[in-house]
N, C-alpha and C. Protein backbone atom coordinates (compact mmCIF):
# COMPACT_ATOMS: atom_id res chain seq x y z
N MET A 1 0.84 -1.20 0.00
CA MET A 1 0.00 0.00 0.00
C MET A 1 0.88 1.25 0.00
N ALA A 2 0.53 2.20 -0.83
CA ALA A 2 1.28 3.46 -0.89
C ALA A 2 0.50 4.56 -0.18
N ARG A 3 1.25 5.58 0.23
CA ARG A 3 0.61 6.80 0.75
C ARG A 3 0.74 7.86 -0.33
N VAL A 4 -0.40 8.33 -0.82
CA VAL A 4 -0.43 9.22 -1.98
C VAL A 4 -0.96 10.59 -1.57
N LEU A 5 -0.21 11.61 -1.94
CA LEU A 5 -0.64 12.99 -1.72
C LEU A 5 -1.29 13.49 -3.00
N ILE A 6 -2.51 14.02 -2.89
CA ILE A 6 -3.23 14.56 -4.05
C ILE A 6 -3.60 16.00 -3.75
N THR A 7 -3.19 16.91 -4.64
CA THR A 7 -3.67 18.29 -4.53
C THR A 7 -4.88 18.44 -5.45
N SER A 8 -5.84 19.24 -5.03
CA SER A 8 -7.10 19.30 -5.77
C SER A 8 -7.74 20.67 -5.64
N GLY A 9 -8.54 21.02 -6.65
CA GLY A 9 -9.33 22.25 -6.60
C GLY A 9 -8.53 23.48 -6.94
N PRO A 10 -9.17 24.64 -6.88
CA PRO A 10 -8.51 25.92 -7.14
C PRO A 10 -7.92 26.49 -5.87
N THR A 11 -7.19 27.56 -6.00
CA THR A 11 -6.84 28.38 -4.84
C THR A 11 -7.35 29.79 -5.08
N ARG A 12 -7.33 30.59 -4.04
CA ARG A 12 -7.81 31.97 -4.12
C ARG A 12 -6.72 32.91 -3.63
N GLN A 13 -6.52 33.99 -4.37
CA GLN A 13 -5.58 35.03 -3.95
C GLN A 13 -6.39 36.32 -3.78
N TYR A 14 -6.57 36.73 -2.54
CA TYR A 14 -7.48 37.84 -2.25
C TYR A 14 -6.90 39.18 -2.65
N LEU A 15 -7.78 40.02 -3.22
CA LEU A 15 -7.45 41.41 -3.55
C LEU A 15 -7.81 42.35 -2.41
N ASP A 16 -8.91 42.02 -1.75
CA ASP A 16 -9.40 42.75 -0.58
C ASP A 16 -10.22 41.77 0.24
N PRO A 17 -10.91 42.16 1.29
CA PRO A 17 -11.61 41.17 2.12
C PRO A 17 -12.71 40.39 1.42
N VAL A 18 -13.19 40.85 0.24
CA VAL A 18 -14.31 40.17 -0.40
C VAL A 18 -14.01 39.70 -1.83
N ARG A 19 -12.98 40.18 -2.46
CA ARG A 19 -12.70 39.83 -3.86
C ARG A 19 -11.39 39.05 -3.95
N TYR A 20 -11.35 38.14 -4.93
CA TYR A 20 -10.14 37.34 -5.09
C TYR A 20 -9.96 36.93 -6.54
N LEU A 21 -8.71 36.55 -6.88
CA LEU A 21 -8.39 35.91 -8.15
C LEU A 21 -8.49 34.41 -7.96
N SER A 22 -9.07 33.73 -8.95
CA SER A 22 -9.18 32.27 -8.86
C SER A 22 -9.46 31.71 -10.24
N ASN A 23 -9.99 30.50 -10.30
CA ASN A 23 -10.38 29.89 -11.57
C ASN A 23 -11.56 28.97 -11.32
N ALA A 24 -12.05 28.35 -12.37
CA ALA A 24 -13.30 27.58 -12.28
C ALA A 24 -13.10 26.11 -11.96
N SER A 25 -11.92 25.73 -11.50
CA SER A 25 -11.71 24.32 -11.14
C SER A 25 -12.72 23.88 -10.09
N SER A 26 -13.33 22.71 -10.33
CA SER A 26 -14.38 22.22 -9.44
C SER A 26 -13.88 21.24 -8.39
N GLY A 27 -12.70 20.65 -8.62
CA GLY A 27 -12.21 19.59 -7.73
C GLY A 27 -12.72 18.22 -8.08
N ARG A 28 -13.55 18.11 -9.15
CA ARG A 28 -14.12 16.80 -9.49
C ARG A 28 -13.05 15.78 -9.90
N MET A 29 -12.04 16.24 -10.68
CA MET A 29 -11.00 15.31 -11.10
C MET A 29 -10.19 14.85 -9.90
N GLY A 30 -9.91 15.77 -9.00
CA GLY A 30 -9.19 15.40 -7.78
C GLY A 30 -9.97 14.40 -6.95
N ALA A 31 -11.27 14.66 -6.78
CA ALA A 31 -12.10 13.74 -5.99
C ALA A 31 -12.16 12.36 -6.64
N ALA A 32 -12.21 12.32 -7.96
CA ALA A 32 -12.25 11.03 -8.67
C ALA A 32 -10.93 10.28 -8.49
N LEU A 33 -9.81 10.99 -8.49
CA LEU A 33 -8.52 10.33 -8.27
C LEU A 33 -8.39 9.84 -6.83
N VAL A 34 -8.93 10.58 -5.88
CA VAL A 34 -8.96 10.12 -4.50
C VAL A 34 -9.70 8.80 -4.40
N GLU A 35 -10.87 8.74 -5.01
CA GLU A 35 -11.67 7.51 -4.99
C GLU A 35 -10.93 6.36 -5.66
N ALA A 36 -10.29 6.64 -6.79
CA ALA A 36 -9.57 5.59 -7.52
C ALA A 36 -8.45 5.01 -6.68
N ALA A 37 -7.71 5.88 -5.98
CA ALA A 37 -6.60 5.42 -5.15
C ALA A 37 -7.08 4.61 -3.95
N ILE A 38 -8.14 5.08 -3.31
CA ILE A 38 -8.66 4.39 -2.14
C ILE A 38 -9.28 3.05 -2.54
N LYS A 39 -9.92 3.02 -3.69
CA LYS A 39 -10.59 1.79 -4.14
C LYS A 39 -9.62 0.64 -4.29
N VAL A 40 -8.37 0.94 -4.66
CA VAL A 40 -7.39 -0.15 -4.84
C VAL A 40 -6.47 -0.27 -3.63
N GLY A 41 -6.85 0.35 -2.50
CA GLY A 41 -6.21 0.05 -1.24
C GLY A 41 -5.13 0.98 -0.76
N HIS A 42 -4.98 2.16 -1.38
CA HIS A 42 -3.92 3.08 -0.97
C HIS A 42 -4.43 4.10 0.05
N GLU A 43 -3.50 4.64 0.81
CA GLU A 43 -3.80 5.72 1.76
C GLU A 43 -3.66 7.05 1.03
N VAL A 44 -4.59 7.96 1.27
CA VAL A 44 -4.60 9.22 0.53
C VAL A 44 -4.67 10.42 1.47
N ILE A 45 -3.82 11.41 1.18
CA ILE A 45 -3.88 12.70 1.84
C ILE A 45 -4.25 13.72 0.76
N VAL A 46 -5.30 14.50 1.00
CA VAL A 46 -5.76 15.48 0.03
C VAL A 46 -5.53 16.88 0.57
N VAL A 47 -4.79 17.69 -0.18
CA VAL A 47 -4.67 19.11 0.13
C VAL A 47 -5.54 19.83 -0.90
N THR A 48 -6.61 20.44 -0.43
CA THR A 48 -7.61 20.97 -1.35
C THR A 48 -7.93 22.43 -1.12
N GLY A 49 -8.08 23.14 -2.21
CA GLY A 49 -8.59 24.49 -2.16
C GLY A 49 -10.10 24.46 -1.97
N PRO A 50 -10.76 25.62 -1.97
CA PRO A 50 -12.21 25.68 -1.74
C PRO A 50 -13.00 25.03 -2.87
N VAL A 51 -13.74 23.98 -2.56
CA VAL A 51 -14.55 23.27 -3.55
C VAL A 51 -15.89 22.89 -2.93
N GLU A 52 -16.84 22.52 -3.78
CA GLU A 52 -18.13 22.04 -3.31
C GLU A 52 -18.22 20.53 -3.35
N VAL A 53 -17.29 19.86 -4.04
CA VAL A 53 -17.31 18.41 -4.08
C VAL A 53 -16.98 17.85 -2.70
N VAL A 54 -17.42 16.62 -2.47
CA VAL A 54 -17.15 15.94 -1.21
C VAL A 54 -16.13 14.82 -1.48
N TYR A 55 -15.04 14.84 -0.75
CA TYR A 55 -14.03 13.81 -0.89
C TYR A 55 -14.38 12.60 -0.03
N SER A 56 -13.80 11.47 -0.39
CA SER A 56 -14.03 10.25 0.37
C SER A 56 -13.66 10.44 1.84
N SER A 57 -14.51 9.92 2.71
CA SER A 57 -14.25 10.02 4.15
C SER A 57 -13.05 9.18 4.56
N ALA A 58 -12.60 8.30 3.67
CA ALA A 58 -11.44 7.47 3.98
C ALA A 58 -10.13 8.23 3.80
N ALA A 59 -10.17 9.39 3.18
CA ALA A 59 -8.97 10.19 2.95
C ALA A 59 -8.78 11.19 4.08
N ARG A 60 -7.54 11.60 4.28
CA ARG A 60 -7.22 12.69 5.19
C ARG A 60 -7.28 13.99 4.41
N ILE A 61 -8.13 14.90 4.82
CA ILE A 61 -8.37 16.13 4.07
C ILE A 61 -7.72 17.32 4.79
N ILE A 62 -6.93 18.08 4.03
CA ILE A 62 -6.31 19.30 4.56
C ILE A 62 -6.81 20.47 3.71
N PRO A 63 -7.75 21.26 4.21
CA PRO A 63 -8.28 22.39 3.43
C PRO A 63 -7.36 23.60 3.50
N VAL A 64 -7.21 24.28 2.37
CA VAL A 64 -6.41 25.50 2.30
C VAL A 64 -7.16 26.51 1.43
N VAL A 65 -6.65 27.73 1.36
CA VAL A 65 -7.27 28.75 0.53
C VAL A 65 -6.31 29.24 -0.56
N SER A 66 -5.15 29.73 -0.17
CA SER A 66 -4.23 30.34 -1.12
C SER A 66 -3.21 29.34 -1.66
N THR A 67 -2.54 29.73 -2.72
CA THR A 67 -1.48 28.90 -3.28
C THR A 67 -0.35 28.71 -2.27
N GLU A 68 0.00 29.77 -1.55
CA GLU A 68 1.05 29.67 -0.55
C GLU A 68 0.66 28.69 0.56
N GLU A 69 -0.61 28.69 0.94
CA GLU A 69 -1.07 27.76 1.97
C GLU A 69 -1.05 26.33 1.45
N MET A 70 -1.40 26.15 0.18
CA MET A 70 -1.37 24.81 -0.41
C MET A 70 0.06 24.27 -0.43
N LEU A 71 1.01 25.10 -0.82
CA LEU A 71 2.40 24.67 -0.84
C LEU A 71 2.88 24.32 0.57
N ALA A 72 2.58 25.17 1.53
CA ALA A 72 3.03 24.92 2.90
C ALA A 72 2.46 23.61 3.44
N ALA A 73 1.18 23.35 3.17
CA ALA A 73 0.56 22.11 3.63
C ALA A 73 1.20 20.90 2.97
N CYS A 74 1.47 21.00 1.67
CA CYS A 74 2.12 19.89 0.96
C CYS A 74 3.52 19.64 1.49
N GLN A 75 4.26 20.69 1.78
CA GLN A 75 5.62 20.52 2.29
C GLN A 75 5.64 19.84 3.66
N GLN A 76 4.58 20.00 4.42
CA GLN A 76 4.50 19.37 5.74
C GLN A 76 4.32 17.86 5.64
N VAL A 77 3.65 17.39 4.57
CA VAL A 77 3.31 15.96 4.50
C VAL A 77 4.02 15.21 3.37
N PHE A 78 4.63 15.92 2.42
CA PHE A 78 5.18 15.25 1.24
C PHE A 78 6.26 14.24 1.60
N ALA A 79 7.10 14.54 2.59
CA ALA A 79 8.20 13.65 2.94
C ALA A 79 7.71 12.28 3.39
N GLU A 80 6.50 12.24 3.95
CA GLU A 80 5.97 10.96 4.44
C GLU A 80 5.14 10.22 3.39
N CYS A 81 5.08 10.77 2.18
CA CYS A 81 4.28 10.16 1.10
C CYS A 81 5.18 9.48 0.08
N ASP A 82 4.61 8.52 -0.63
CA ASP A 82 5.34 7.82 -1.69
C ASP A 82 5.30 8.58 -3.00
N GLY A 83 4.24 9.36 -3.19
CA GLY A 83 4.13 10.09 -4.43
C GLY A 83 3.08 11.19 -4.36
N LEU A 84 3.10 12.03 -5.38
CA LEU A 84 2.17 13.17 -5.48
C LEU A 84 1.45 13.14 -6.81
N ILE A 85 0.15 13.38 -6.78
CA ILE A 85 -0.63 13.66 -7.99
C ILE A 85 -1.08 15.11 -7.87
N GLY A 86 -0.49 15.97 -8.68
CA GLY A 86 -0.78 17.40 -8.60
C GLY A 86 -1.86 17.79 -9.58
N VAL A 87 -3.11 17.53 -9.21
CA VAL A 87 -4.24 17.82 -10.10
C VAL A 87 -4.90 19.16 -9.77
N ALA A 88 -4.46 19.80 -8.70
CA ALA A 88 -5.03 21.11 -8.35
C ALA A 88 -4.73 22.13 -9.44
N ALA A 89 -5.50 23.22 -9.42
CA ALA A 89 -5.29 24.34 -10.34
C ALA A 89 -5.00 25.59 -9.51
N PRO A 90 -3.80 25.67 -8.93
CA PRO A 90 -3.49 26.81 -8.09
C PRO A 90 -3.46 28.11 -8.89
N CYS A 91 -3.88 29.18 -8.27
CA CYS A 91 -3.82 30.49 -8.91
C CYS A 91 -2.36 30.87 -9.10
N ASP A 92 -1.98 31.27 -10.32
CA ASP A 92 -0.58 31.53 -10.65
C ASP A 92 -0.10 32.92 -10.26
N TYR A 93 -1.03 33.81 -9.93
CA TYR A 93 -0.65 35.18 -9.61
C TYR A 93 -1.36 35.65 -8.34
N ARG A 94 -0.70 36.53 -7.63
CA ARG A 94 -1.26 37.14 -6.42
C ARG A 94 -1.04 38.65 -6.51
N PRO A 95 -1.91 39.42 -5.89
CA PRO A 95 -1.68 40.88 -5.90
C PRO A 95 -0.49 41.23 -5.03
N ALA A 96 0.29 42.21 -5.46
CA ALA A 96 1.44 42.65 -4.66
C ALA A 96 0.98 43.22 -3.33
N ARG A 97 -0.22 43.78 -3.32
CA ARG A 97 -0.76 44.37 -2.10
C ARG A 97 -2.21 43.94 -1.94
N VAL A 98 -2.57 43.48 -0.75
CA VAL A 98 -3.96 43.12 -0.45
C VAL A 98 -4.58 44.25 0.36
N ALA A 99 -5.64 44.83 -0.17
CA ALA A 99 -6.30 45.94 0.52
C ALA A 99 -6.94 45.45 1.82
N THR A 100 -6.86 46.23 2.85
CA THR A 100 -7.43 45.84 4.14
C THR A 100 -8.93 46.12 4.21
N ALA A 101 -9.43 46.96 3.32
CA ALA A 101 -10.86 47.26 3.25
C ALA A 101 -11.34 47.04 1.81
N LYS A 102 -12.63 46.87 1.63
CA LYS A 102 -13.18 46.65 0.29
C LYS A 102 -12.80 47.80 -0.64
N ILE A 103 -12.30 47.43 -1.82
CA ILE A 103 -11.91 48.43 -2.81
C ILE A 103 -13.18 49.07 -3.38
N ARG A 104 -13.27 50.39 -3.30
CA ARG A 104 -14.47 51.10 -3.72
C ARG A 104 -14.37 51.53 -5.18
N ARG A 105 -15.54 51.65 -5.81
CA ARG A 105 -15.61 52.19 -7.18
C ARG A 105 -15.25 53.67 -7.17
N THR A 106 -14.47 54.08 -8.16
CA THR A 106 -14.09 55.50 -8.25
C THR A 106 -14.45 56.10 -9.60
N GLY A 107 -14.89 55.26 -10.54
CA GLY A 107 -15.15 55.74 -11.89
C GLY A 107 -13.90 55.77 -12.75
N GLU A 108 -12.77 55.36 -12.20
CA GLU A 108 -11.50 55.34 -12.90
C GLU A 108 -11.02 53.90 -13.06
N PRO A 109 -10.18 53.65 -14.07
CA PRO A 109 -9.61 52.30 -14.22
C PRO A 109 -8.82 51.91 -12.97
N LEU A 110 -8.83 50.61 -12.69
CA LEU A 110 -8.09 50.07 -11.55
C LEU A 110 -6.96 49.19 -12.08
N SER A 111 -5.75 49.47 -11.71
CA SER A 111 -4.60 48.67 -12.13
C SER A 111 -4.17 47.74 -11.00
N LEU A 112 -3.85 46.50 -11.36
CA LEU A 112 -3.39 45.53 -10.39
C LEU A 112 -1.93 45.19 -10.67
N ASP A 113 -1.12 45.18 -9.64
CA ASP A 113 0.27 44.75 -9.74
C ASP A 113 0.30 43.31 -9.25
N LEU A 114 0.52 42.36 -10.18
CA LEU A 114 0.46 40.94 -9.85
C LEU A 114 1.85 40.31 -9.88
N HIS A 115 2.10 39.45 -8.90
CA HIS A 115 3.35 38.70 -8.83
C HIS A 115 3.04 37.21 -8.94
N GLU A 116 3.96 36.43 -9.47
CA GLU A 116 3.76 34.99 -9.57
C GLU A 116 3.73 34.35 -8.19
N THR A 117 2.87 33.35 -8.04
CA THR A 117 2.85 32.54 -6.82
C THR A 117 3.85 31.39 -6.99
N PRO A 118 4.19 30.69 -5.91
CA PRO A 118 5.12 29.56 -6.02
C PRO A 118 4.54 28.44 -6.89
N ASP A 119 5.40 27.74 -7.60
CA ASP A 119 5.00 26.56 -8.38
C ASP A 119 5.06 25.36 -7.44
N ILE A 120 3.91 24.86 -7.05
CA ILE A 120 3.83 23.82 -6.03
C ILE A 120 4.51 22.53 -6.48
N VAL A 121 4.15 22.03 -7.65
CA VAL A 121 4.71 20.76 -8.12
C VAL A 121 6.22 20.88 -8.35
N ALA A 122 6.66 21.99 -8.94
CA ALA A 122 8.10 22.18 -9.17
C ALA A 122 8.87 22.24 -7.86
N THR A 123 8.31 22.91 -6.87
CA THR A 123 8.97 23.02 -5.57
C THR A 123 9.09 21.65 -4.92
N LEU A 124 8.03 20.87 -4.94
CA LEU A 124 8.07 19.52 -4.36
C LEU A 124 8.99 18.62 -5.18
N GLY A 125 8.96 18.78 -6.49
CA GLY A 125 9.82 17.97 -7.35
C GLY A 125 11.29 18.19 -7.06
N ALA A 126 11.65 19.41 -6.73
CA ALA A 126 13.05 19.72 -6.44
C ALA A 126 13.51 19.08 -5.13
N SER A 127 12.56 18.68 -4.29
CA SER A 127 12.93 18.11 -2.99
C SER A 127 12.63 16.62 -2.89
N LYS A 128 12.15 16.00 -3.97
CA LYS A 128 11.75 14.59 -3.85
C LYS A 128 12.97 13.71 -3.61
N ARG A 129 12.76 12.70 -2.80
CA ARG A 129 13.82 11.76 -2.47
C ARG A 129 13.80 10.59 -3.45
N LEU A 130 14.84 9.78 -3.40
CA LEU A 130 14.92 8.60 -4.25
C LEU A 130 13.72 7.69 -3.98
N GLY A 131 13.03 7.32 -5.02
CA GLY A 131 11.87 6.45 -4.88
C GLY A 131 10.54 7.17 -4.89
N GLN A 132 10.55 8.46 -4.58
CA GLN A 132 9.30 9.22 -4.67
C GLN A 132 9.00 9.54 -6.12
N TRP A 133 7.70 9.64 -6.44
CA TRP A 133 7.30 9.95 -7.80
C TRP A 133 6.32 11.12 -7.80
N LEU A 134 6.27 11.81 -8.95
CA LEU A 134 5.38 12.95 -9.13
C LEU A 134 4.62 12.82 -10.44
N VAL A 135 3.34 13.05 -10.39
CA VAL A 135 2.50 13.11 -11.58
C VAL A 135 1.85 14.49 -11.63
N GLY A 136 2.13 15.22 -12.70
CA GLY A 136 1.55 16.54 -12.85
C GLY A 136 0.40 16.56 -13.84
N PHE A 137 -0.34 17.64 -13.84
CA PHE A 137 -1.42 17.87 -14.81
C PHE A 137 -1.12 19.15 -15.56
N ALA A 138 -1.26 19.10 -16.87
CA ALA A 138 -1.04 20.28 -17.71
C ALA A 138 -2.33 20.58 -18.47
N LEU A 139 -2.96 21.68 -18.11
CA LEU A 139 -4.16 22.13 -18.82
C LEU A 139 -3.73 23.23 -19.79
N GLU A 140 -3.77 22.91 -21.08
CA GLU A 140 -3.23 23.82 -22.08
C GLU A 140 -4.26 24.13 -23.17
N SER A 141 -4.18 25.34 -23.71
CA SER A 141 -5.05 25.73 -24.82
C SER A 141 -4.30 25.76 -26.15
N GLU A 142 -2.94 25.77 -26.08
CA GLU A 142 -2.12 25.81 -27.29
C GLU A 142 -0.92 24.88 -27.13
N ASP A 143 -0.52 24.21 -28.22
CA ASP A 143 0.65 23.32 -28.22
C ASP A 143 0.70 22.45 -26.97
N PRO A 144 -0.36 21.69 -26.69
CA PRO A 144 -0.44 20.98 -25.41
C PRO A 144 0.70 19.99 -25.16
N ARG A 145 1.09 19.23 -26.17
CA ARG A 145 2.14 18.23 -25.92
C ARG A 145 3.50 18.88 -25.66
N PHE A 146 3.84 19.89 -26.45
CA PHE A 146 5.12 20.57 -26.25
C PHE A 146 5.16 21.24 -24.88
N ARG A 147 4.10 21.94 -24.54
CA ARG A 147 4.07 22.65 -23.26
C ARG A 147 4.04 21.67 -22.09
N ALA A 148 3.34 20.55 -22.26
CA ALA A 148 3.28 19.55 -21.19
C ALA A 148 4.65 18.92 -20.96
N LEU A 149 5.38 18.62 -22.04
CA LEU A 149 6.71 18.04 -21.90
C LEU A 149 7.65 19.02 -21.22
N THR A 150 7.54 20.30 -21.58
CA THR A 150 8.37 21.32 -20.93
C THR A 150 8.07 21.37 -19.43
N LYS A 151 6.79 21.30 -19.08
CA LYS A 151 6.41 21.31 -17.67
C LYS A 151 6.93 20.07 -16.96
N LEU A 152 6.80 18.91 -17.61
CA LEU A 152 7.26 17.66 -17.01
C LEU A 152 8.73 17.76 -16.62
N GLN A 153 9.54 18.28 -17.53
CA GLN A 153 10.97 18.39 -17.28
C GLN A 153 11.27 19.44 -16.22
N LYS A 154 10.62 20.59 -16.31
CA LYS A 154 10.87 21.68 -15.37
C LYS A 154 10.47 21.31 -13.94
N LYS A 155 9.40 20.54 -13.81
CA LYS A 155 8.86 20.22 -12.49
C LYS A 155 9.37 18.90 -11.93
N SER A 156 10.26 18.21 -12.67
CA SER A 156 10.83 16.92 -12.23
C SER A 156 9.74 15.87 -12.06
N CYS A 157 8.76 15.87 -12.95
CA CYS A 157 7.68 14.89 -12.89
C CYS A 157 8.10 13.59 -13.57
N ASP A 158 7.41 12.53 -13.19
CA ASP A 158 7.63 11.22 -13.81
C ASP A 158 6.61 10.96 -14.91
N LEU A 159 5.44 11.55 -14.78
CA LEU A 159 4.41 11.51 -15.81
C LEU A 159 3.69 12.85 -15.81
N MET A 160 3.15 13.22 -16.97
CA MET A 160 2.34 14.44 -17.07
C MET A 160 1.03 14.09 -17.76
N VAL A 161 -0.07 14.46 -17.14
CA VAL A 161 -1.40 14.23 -17.71
C VAL A 161 -1.83 15.51 -18.43
N ILE A 162 -2.12 15.38 -19.72
CA ILE A 162 -2.54 16.53 -20.52
C ILE A 162 -4.06 16.54 -20.59
N ASN A 163 -4.67 17.62 -20.14
CA ASN A 163 -6.09 17.79 -20.39
C ASN A 163 -6.33 19.18 -20.96
N HIS A 164 -7.58 19.52 -21.16
CA HIS A 164 -7.89 20.71 -21.95
C HIS A 164 -8.82 21.63 -21.17
N VAL A 165 -8.94 22.84 -21.64
CA VAL A 165 -9.74 23.86 -20.95
C VAL A 165 -11.19 23.39 -20.76
N SER A 166 -11.68 22.59 -21.69
CA SER A 166 -13.07 22.11 -21.60
C SER A 166 -13.31 21.23 -20.38
N ALA A 167 -12.24 20.75 -19.74
CA ALA A 167 -12.39 19.88 -18.57
C ALA A 167 -12.80 20.66 -17.33
N ILE A 168 -12.56 21.97 -17.32
CA ILE A 168 -12.84 22.77 -16.12
C ILE A 168 -14.34 22.78 -15.83
N GLY A 169 -14.69 22.31 -14.66
CA GLY A 169 -16.09 22.31 -14.24
C GLY A 169 -16.95 21.24 -14.87
N ALA A 170 -16.40 20.44 -15.79
CA ALA A 170 -17.18 19.43 -16.50
C ALA A 170 -17.21 18.12 -15.72
N THR A 171 -18.16 17.25 -16.07
CA THR A 171 -18.22 15.94 -15.45
C THR A 171 -17.41 14.90 -16.22
N ASP A 172 -17.09 15.21 -17.48
CA ASP A 172 -16.29 14.32 -18.32
C ASP A 172 -14.91 14.92 -18.56
N ASN A 173 -14.00 14.08 -19.04
CA ASN A 173 -12.65 14.55 -19.34
C ASN A 173 -12.05 13.69 -20.44
N SER A 174 -11.05 14.23 -21.11
CA SER A 174 -10.29 13.52 -22.11
C SER A 174 -8.83 13.86 -21.88
N VAL A 175 -7.99 12.85 -21.66
CA VAL A 175 -6.60 13.11 -21.28
C VAL A 175 -5.64 12.24 -22.08
N GLU A 176 -4.41 12.70 -22.14
CA GLU A 176 -3.28 11.93 -22.63
C GLU A 176 -2.24 11.91 -21.52
N ILE A 177 -1.51 10.81 -21.40
CA ILE A 177 -0.46 10.70 -20.40
C ILE A 177 0.88 10.66 -21.11
N LEU A 178 1.74 11.59 -20.72
CA LEU A 178 3.04 11.77 -21.37
C LEU A 178 4.14 11.27 -20.44
N ASP A 179 5.11 10.52 -21.00
CA ASP A 179 6.24 10.08 -20.19
C ASP A 179 7.45 11.00 -20.41
N PRO A 180 8.53 10.84 -19.66
CA PRO A 180 9.67 11.76 -19.78
C PRO A 180 10.35 11.76 -21.14
N ASN A 181 10.11 10.74 -21.96
CA ASN A 181 10.68 10.70 -23.31
C ASN A 181 9.82 11.44 -24.32
N GLY A 182 8.68 11.98 -23.88
CA GLY A 182 7.78 12.68 -24.78
C GLY A 182 6.78 11.78 -25.47
N ALA A 183 6.71 10.52 -25.06
CA ALA A 183 5.77 9.57 -25.67
C ALA A 183 4.43 9.61 -24.95
N ILE A 184 3.36 9.52 -25.73
CA ILE A 184 2.02 9.38 -25.16
C ILE A 184 1.82 7.90 -24.86
N ILE A 185 1.73 7.56 -23.57
CA ILE A 185 1.67 6.15 -23.19
C ILE A 185 0.25 5.67 -22.93
N ALA A 186 -0.70 6.60 -22.83
CA ALA A 186 -2.10 6.21 -22.63
C ALA A 186 -3.01 7.39 -22.92
N THR A 187 -4.22 7.09 -23.34
CA THR A 187 -5.26 8.10 -23.52
C THR A 187 -6.55 7.57 -22.90
N PHE A 188 -7.30 8.46 -22.27
CA PHE A 188 -8.56 8.07 -21.66
C PHE A 188 -9.60 9.16 -21.91
N ALA A 189 -10.83 8.77 -22.10
CA ALA A 189 -11.93 9.71 -22.28
C ALA A 189 -13.18 9.13 -21.66
N GLY A 190 -14.02 9.99 -21.10
CA GLY A 190 -15.26 9.55 -20.49
C GLY A 190 -15.52 10.32 -19.21
N SER A 191 -16.25 9.70 -18.30
CA SER A 191 -16.53 10.36 -17.03
C SER A 191 -15.21 10.54 -16.26
N LYS A 192 -15.16 11.54 -15.42
CA LYS A 192 -13.94 11.75 -14.65
C LYS A 192 -13.65 10.57 -13.73
N THR A 193 -14.69 9.86 -13.30
CA THR A 193 -14.49 8.65 -12.49
C THR A 193 -13.74 7.59 -13.29
N ASP A 194 -14.17 7.35 -14.53
CA ASP A 194 -13.52 6.35 -15.38
C ASP A 194 -12.12 6.79 -15.78
N VAL A 195 -11.97 8.06 -16.11
CA VAL A 195 -10.65 8.58 -16.49
C VAL A 195 -9.68 8.47 -15.32
N ALA A 196 -10.13 8.79 -14.13
CA ALA A 196 -9.28 8.70 -12.94
C ALA A 196 -8.82 7.27 -12.70
N ALA A 197 -9.73 6.31 -12.88
CA ALA A 197 -9.35 4.90 -12.71
C ALA A 197 -8.27 4.51 -13.70
N GLY A 198 -8.40 4.98 -14.95
CA GLY A 198 -7.38 4.70 -15.95
C GLY A 198 -6.05 5.33 -15.62
N ILE A 199 -6.08 6.58 -15.20
CA ILE A 199 -4.84 7.27 -14.83
C ILE A 199 -4.15 6.55 -13.68
N PHE A 200 -4.92 6.17 -12.68
CA PHE A 200 -4.29 5.55 -11.51
C PHE A 200 -3.75 4.17 -11.85
N HIS A 201 -4.40 3.47 -12.76
CA HIS A 201 -3.87 2.17 -13.20
C HIS A 201 -2.49 2.34 -13.84
N VAL A 202 -2.35 3.40 -14.66
CA VAL A 202 -1.04 3.68 -15.28
C VAL A 202 -0.01 4.02 -14.21
N ILE A 203 -0.40 4.82 -13.23
CA ILE A 203 0.52 5.17 -12.14
C ILE A 203 1.00 3.92 -11.41
N GLU A 204 0.09 3.04 -11.09
CA GLU A 204 0.47 1.81 -10.41
C GLU A 204 1.43 0.97 -11.26
N ARG A 205 1.13 0.87 -12.55
CA ARG A 205 1.92 0.02 -13.42
C ARG A 205 3.31 0.60 -13.68
N ARG A 206 3.40 1.92 -13.79
CA ARG A 206 4.65 2.56 -14.19
C ARG A 206 5.51 3.04 -13.01
N LEU A 207 4.86 3.43 -11.91
CA LEU A 207 5.61 4.13 -10.86
C LEU A 207 5.63 3.40 -9.52
N MET A 208 4.65 2.54 -9.27
CA MET A 208 4.60 1.83 -7.98
C MET A 208 5.20 0.44 -8.17
N LEU A 209 6.50 0.37 -8.35
CA LEU A 209 7.18 -0.89 -8.64
C LEU A 209 7.60 -1.59 -7.35
């Protein structure tokens, strides 16, 4: 039995007490991967941003809000895990300054100074020990295979799952799994439950030796 860390859902980067930057990730793919891992007998730790989906009660759930909080939570538990599935969609930018009060309308344009947030999978990949594995997700709108391979190498992943913008918030998904040589080793399409089962089968066959 392996102990698997799964990141899931979006994160939020607040602009003021009521507004934030985020995305439409629902957490459904993450929840499906949690179920797939538990179904075949593995222990699962989920670090999740704000979602409405319900994760399996058999998993250990660590709720977070921001990208920085997600990274910190992952760093606390990653060393005790055998591998990571980074299916979350963390917000890539944060405001340089968070207003302490609600930003009021002035009738004038509002400019935001945005800074990049930490890359969670890349940070964990840089610290992985011998025997640990990482599976990333690349959601791309252009040149998906090239961009996914670049991400795989940059983040020290062992596999990269390519999906598309249409997967956000949907109940179905269509994915390709890319290995470090740039080869597509599997493709799956259908409900996120079925796709997750296929992805996890590949992970077991390729990485849990």
